[in-house]
Amino acid sequence: MQTIQLDHASLTRIGYADVPIPAHDVGLSPSDFAGLSWREPAWSEGQQVRVGAAAWLAEVADKRIVFDPVQAADGVLRADLNAELLHQSAFADLCAGAGFPRESVDLVVLSHIEDVGMVGWRGEDGHWSPFFPNARILLSAAALQALEASGGDAGLQPVSAAWRAFIDGDRVGTFADGEVLAPGLVAEVRGGHGPGHAILHFGEDPLRAQLTMIGHLALSPIHLATGECARMHEDAATAWEQLQRIAADGRILVGSLWPAPAHGRWINGAFVPGT
């Protein structure tokens, strides 16, 4: 578990699993990052890239907010109903043990829709409900429009069923580009990774934010040094422009899929892990 203290907020990462995976799973090849000495040991192991299944939780004013909880791991964590029941309960226990019982969360904020993750809870009867039962689920209006335009399935049947339950249950809200989600927390909706992808800035002015949560603009910090990645992004040029802009001032960056410590700063041509 890692905690970051900001001027007007605190963020805590609850990690479920950090694992090395083949580089091509995040759109890279070993040759793309062979010369980056700073990538080990935090971000890679040999020719593999390290990724994490986790959730960041923030305490902002009187709100508890969770960001992108355990996204992009459904193929393992939701491989079948028995696996889902096991992993859901285990992650709920981790949240409670860290002082964030799932009932205490007010908002689930998503950079975009990526699988179901721990946004949803599937019961033994197969029915879906929100993993954080008292929280409203927020994503950009553009991301929700893209989901609805696709017929609601985002290419994956579990996503369709879960989101249909969330929407029909009136648990989903949206935000626009530039909207203030909580004091000092501003959404920037620019796409790049996919329709309506958002990044979240902690600071009164996004241009001088203390910390930015970048969602899936960089699936690994290694992407901060390897240029446009068309294999991972719908609009690779836009994603790369955003990464360069927000990394340049040395602010703290947080990635949804980064392994522990899952945050750091771009300093003098290297990504330096936070402590």
Foldseek 3Di string as FASTA:
>chain_A
DDWDDDPFKIKDKQFDDKDWDAPVVQQDFLVLCVPFPQCPDFAHDRRTGIWTQIWMWMCGPNAIEIEPHRFPPCVQCVVDPVSVVVVLVVVQVSCVVVVHRLQRHAEYEYLADGQCHQQWRADPVRAIAGSSNNYAYEAAPFRVVVCVVVVNAPPHPNRSRHVVVCVVVVRYDYDYAQDDPGVQKGWHFDAWQHTRRIKIFRGPDNQDGQEIEREVLPLTVSDLQRAFRVVRTPHRVSSNVVSCRNQVVFHKYAYNTGDPVRIAHCDPNHTDHDD
